[in-house]
Amino acid sequence: MYLLILVLEQNSLLPEILEKLLEAGVTGTTVLNSVGMGRLLAQYGKDSPVGQVVKEKLRKGNYTNKTLFAVIRSEEILDRAVDTINELVGDLEKPDTGIMFTIKLDRAFGLI
């Protein structure tokens, strides 16, 4: 089993990504609102206390990213999912696209 994590900058792509992941064999994905520390510090300034910045951002509920988590049962499905995301998002090495990584899982609980 594998954990696929995608931090997506282009929120408009979310519906299509979820649809294509389902077609690729990914049976479930959790989506969270998120914001990166770099974006917070750029917005509020490096001299701002980080704790205060985070509290202010959370209070306003102004998130800029979507973070997707998917537990994937096989390497074949993982490869299809990664290819699908790369096709839709484009070159993740470019700024303001996102971050994606995978982790091999020994065990997972609570999955159907």
C-alpha atoms as a PDB file:
ATOM      1  CA  MET A   1       0.000   0.000   0.000  1.00  0.00           C
ATOM      2  CA  TYR A   2       1.002   3.577  -0.641  1.00  0.00           C
ATOM      3  CA  LEU A   3       0.034   7.038   0.529  1.00  0.00           C
ATOM      4  CA  LEU A   4      -0.200   9.648  -2.211  1.00  0.00           C
ATOM      5  CA  ILE A   5      -0.141  13.268  -1.046  1.00  0.00           C
ATOM      6  CA  LEU A   6      -0.769  16.205  -3.356  1.00  0.00           C
ATOM      7  CA  VAL A   7      -0.708  19.848  -2.284  1.00  0.00           C
ATOM      8  CA  LEU A   8      -2.603  21.525  -5.104  1.00  0.00           C
ATOM      9  CA  GLU A   9      -2.181  25.228  -5.855  1.00  0.00           C
ATOM     10  CA  GLN A  10      -4.670  25.291  -8.747  1.00  0.00           C
ATOM     11  CA  ASN A  11      -7.907  24.630  -6.874  1.00  0.00           C
ATOM     12  CA  SER A  12      -9.954  24.845 -10.065  1.00  0.00           C
ATOM     13  CA  LEU A  13      -8.436  21.488 -11.102  1.00  0.00           C
ATOM     14  CA  LEU A  14      -9.773  19.661  -8.031  1.00  0.00           C
ATOM     15  CA  PRO A  15     -13.032  18.267  -9.508  1.00  0.00           C
ATOM     16  CA  GLU A  16     -11.283  16.913 -12.606  1.00  0.00           C
ATOM     17  CA  ILE A  17      -8.422  15.443 -10.569  1.00  0.00           C
ATOM     18  CA  LEU A  18     -10.851  13.605  -8.273  1.00  0.00           C
ATOM     19  CA  GLU A  19     -12.821  12.282 -11.245  1.00  0.00           C
ATOM     20  CA  LYS A  20      -9.688  11.071 -13.050  1.00  0.00           C
ATOM     21  CA  LEU A  21      -8.249   9.497  -9.880  1.00  0.00           C
ATOM     22  CA  LEU A  22     -11.447   7.489  -9.513  1.00  0.00           C
ATOM     23  CA  GLU A  23     -11.117   6.362 -13.138  1.00  0.00           C
ATOM     24  CA  ALA A  24      -7.477   5.383 -12.431  1.00  0.00           C
ATOM     25  CA  GLY A  25      -8.621   3.047  -9.645  1.00  0.00           C
ATOM     26  CA  VAL A  26      -8.184   5.248  -6.570  1.00  0.00           C
ATOM     27  CA  THR A  27     -11.189   4.344  -4.422  1.00  0.00           C
ATOM     28  CA  GLY A  28     -11.041   7.206  -1.922  1.00  0.00           C
ATOM     29  CA  THR A  29      -9.376  10.565  -1.439  1.00  0.00           C
ATOM     30  CA  THR A  30      -9.497  12.974   1.495  1.00  0.00           C
ATOM     31  CA  VAL A  31      -9.310  16.686   0.665  1.00  0.00           C
ATOM     32  CA  LEU A  32      -8.227  19.325   3.187  1.00  0.00           C
ATOM     33  CA  ASN A  33      -7.925  23.091   3.008  1.00  0.00           C
ATOM     34  CA  SER A  34      -4.308  24.100   3.546  1.00  0.00           C
ATOM     35  CA  VAL A  35      -1.801  26.915   3.352  1.00  0.00           C
ATOM     36  CA  GLY A  36       1.997  26.727   3.254  1.00  0.00           C
ATOM     37  CA  MET A  37       4.284  28.469   5.711  1.00  0.00           C
ATOM     38  CA  GLY A  38       6.151  30.188   2.879  1.00  0.00           C
ATOM     39  CA  ARG A  39       2.937  31.785   1.652  1.00  0.00           C
ATOM     40  CA  LEU A  40       2.046  32.896   5.191  1.00  0.00           C
ATOM     41  CA  LEU A  41       5.417  34.496   5.746  1.00  0.00           C
ATOM     42  CA  ALA A  42       5.334  36.161   2.332  1.00  0.00           C
ATOM     43  CA  GLN A  43       1.901  37.572   3.075  1.00  0.00           C
ATOM     44  CA  TYR A  44       2.513  38.732   6.648  1.00  0.00           C
ATOM     45  CA  GLY A  45       6.265  39.357   6.567  1.00  0.00           C
ATOM     46  CA  LYS A  46       9.172  37.348   7.937  1.00  0.00           C
ATOM     47  CA  ASP A  47       9.327  39.468  11.080  1.00  0.00           C
ATOM     48  CA  SER A  48       5.759  38.589  12.105  1.00  0.00           C
ATOM     49  CA  PRO A  49       5.455  36.033  14.913  1.00  0.00           C
ATOM     50  CA  VAL A  50       4.619  32.744  13.192  1.00  0.00           C
ATOM     51  CA  GLY A  51       2.066  31.737  15.826  1.00  0.00           C
ATOM     52  CA  GLN A  52       0.199  35.006  15.414  1.00  0.00           C
ATOM     53  CA  VAL A  53       0.248  34.680  11.619  1.00  0.00           C
ATOM     54  CA  VAL A  54      -1.150  31.143  11.739  1.00  0.00           C
ATOM     55  CA  LYS A  55      -3.903  32.111  14.205  1.00  0.00           C
ATOM     56  CA  GLU A  56      -4.931  35.065  12.017  1.00  0.00           C
ATOM     57  CA  LYS A  57      -5.018  32.935   8.862  1.00  0.00           C
ATOM     58  CA  LEU A  58      -7.025  30.185  10.557  1.00  0.00           C
ATOM     59  CA  ARG A  59      -9.434  32.728  12.055  1.00  0.00           C
ATOM     60  CA  LYS A  60     -10.130  34.197   8.625  1.00  0.00           C
ATOM     61  CA  GLY A  61     -10.442  30.744   7.028  1.00  0.00           C
ATOM     62  CA  ASN A  62      -8.583  32.038   3.988  1.00  0.00           C
ATOM     63  CA  TYR A  63      -6.846  28.927   2.665  1.00  0.00           C
ATOM     64  CA  THR A  64      -5.036  28.906  -0.638  1.00  0.00           C
ATOM     65  CA  ASN A  65      -4.391  25.215  -1.334  1.00  0.00           C
ATOM     66  CA  LYS A  66      -6.140  21.880  -1.321  1.00  0.00           C
ATOM     67  CA  THR A  67      -4.219  18.922   0.070  1.00  0.00           C
ATOM     68  CA  LEU A  68      -5.271  15.477  -1.132  1.00  0.00           C
ATOM     69  CA  PHE A  69      -4.495  12.222   0.692  1.00  0.00           C
ATOM     70  CA  ALA A  70      -5.166   8.848  -0.907  1.00  0.00           C
ATOM     71  CA  VAL A  71      -4.273   5.378   0.357  1.00  0.00           C
ATOM     72  CA  ILE A  72      -3.622   3.285  -2.724  1.00  0.00           C
ATOM     73  CA  ARG A  73      -3.498  -0.495  -2.639  1.00  0.00           C
ATOM     74  CA  SER A  74      -1.132  -1.296  -5.523  1.00  0.00           C
ATOM     75  CA  GLU A  75       1.876   0.165  -7.296  1.00  0.00           C
ATOM     76  CA  GLU A  76       0.037  -0.124 -10.614  1.00  0.00           C
ATOM     77  CA  ILE A  77      -2.801   2.116  -9.400  1.00  0.00           C
ATOM     78  CA  LEU A  78      -0.273   4.472  -7.802  1.00  0.00           C
ATOM     79  CA  ASP A  79       1.570   4.854 -11.113  1.00  0.00           C
ATOM     80  CA  ARG A  80      -1.700   5.599 -12.930  1.00  0.00           C
ATOM     81  CA  ALA A  81      -2.657   8.150 -10.267  1.00  0.00           C
ATOM     82  CA  VAL A  82       0.718   9.922 -10.439  1.00  0.00           C
ATOM     83  CA  ASP A  83       0.582   9.992 -14.250  1.00  0.00           C
ATOM     84  CA  THR A  84      -2.963  11.367 -14.127  1.00  0.00           C
ATOM     85  CA  ILE A  85      -1.999  14.162 -11.734  1.00  0.00           C
ATOM     86  CA  ASN A  86       1.070  15.055 -13.794  1.00  0.00           C
ATOM     87  CA  GLU A  87      -1.049  15.275 -16.948  1.00  0.00           C
ATOM     88  CA  LEU A  88      -3.625  17.557 -15.313  1.00  0.00           C
ATOM     89  CA  VAL A  89      -1.396  19.766 -13.160  1.00  0.00           C
ATOM     90  CA  GLY A  90       1.616  19.984 -15.438  1.00  0.00           C
ATOM     91  CA  ASP A  91       5.239  20.350 -14.406  1.00  0.00           C
ATOM     92  CA  LEU A  92       5.351  20.333 -10.596  1.00  0.00           C
ATOM     93  CA  GLU A  93       8.858  21.789 -10.767  1.00  0.00           C
ATOM     94  CA  LYS A  94       7.305  25.093 -11.864  1.00  0.00           C
ATOM     95  CA  PRO A  95       6.241  27.588  -9.182  1.00  0.00           C
ATOM     96  CA  ASP A  96       2.623  27.745  -8.034  1.00  0.00           C
ATOM     97  CA  THR A  97       1.640  24.301  -9.286  1.00  0.00           C
ATOM     98  CA  GLY A  98       1.894  22.058  -6.249  1.00  0.00           C
ATOM     99  CA  ILE A  99       3.854  19.397  -4.430  1.00  0.00           C
ATOM    100  CA  MET A 100       3.325  15.653  -4.742  1.00  0.00           C
ATOM    101  CA  PHE A 101       4.970  12.749  -2.960  1.00  0.00           C
ATOM    102  CA  THR A 102       4.287   9.135  -2.062  1.00  0.00           C
ATOM    103  CA  ILE A 103       5.076   7.038   0.977  1.00  0.00           C
ATOM    104  CA  LYS A 104       5.094   3.256   1.169  1.00  0.00           C
ATOM    105  CA  LEU A 105       2.770   2.062   3.947  1.00  0.00           C
ATOM    106  CA  ASP A 106       3.301  -1.011   6.078  1.00  0.00           C
ATOM    107  CA  ARG A 107      -0.228  -0.972   7.470  1.00  0.00           C
ATOM    108  CA  ALA A 108      -3.402   1.078   7.275  1.00  0.00           C
ATOM    109  CA  PHE A 109      -6.494   0.833   9.460  1.00  0.00           C
ATOM    110  CA  GLY A 110     -10.090   1.880   8.982  1.00  0.00           C
ATOM    111  CA  LEU A 111     -10.112   1.405   5.223  1.00  0.00           C
ATOM    112  CA  ILE A 112     -12.871  -0.372   3.358  1.00  0.00           C
END
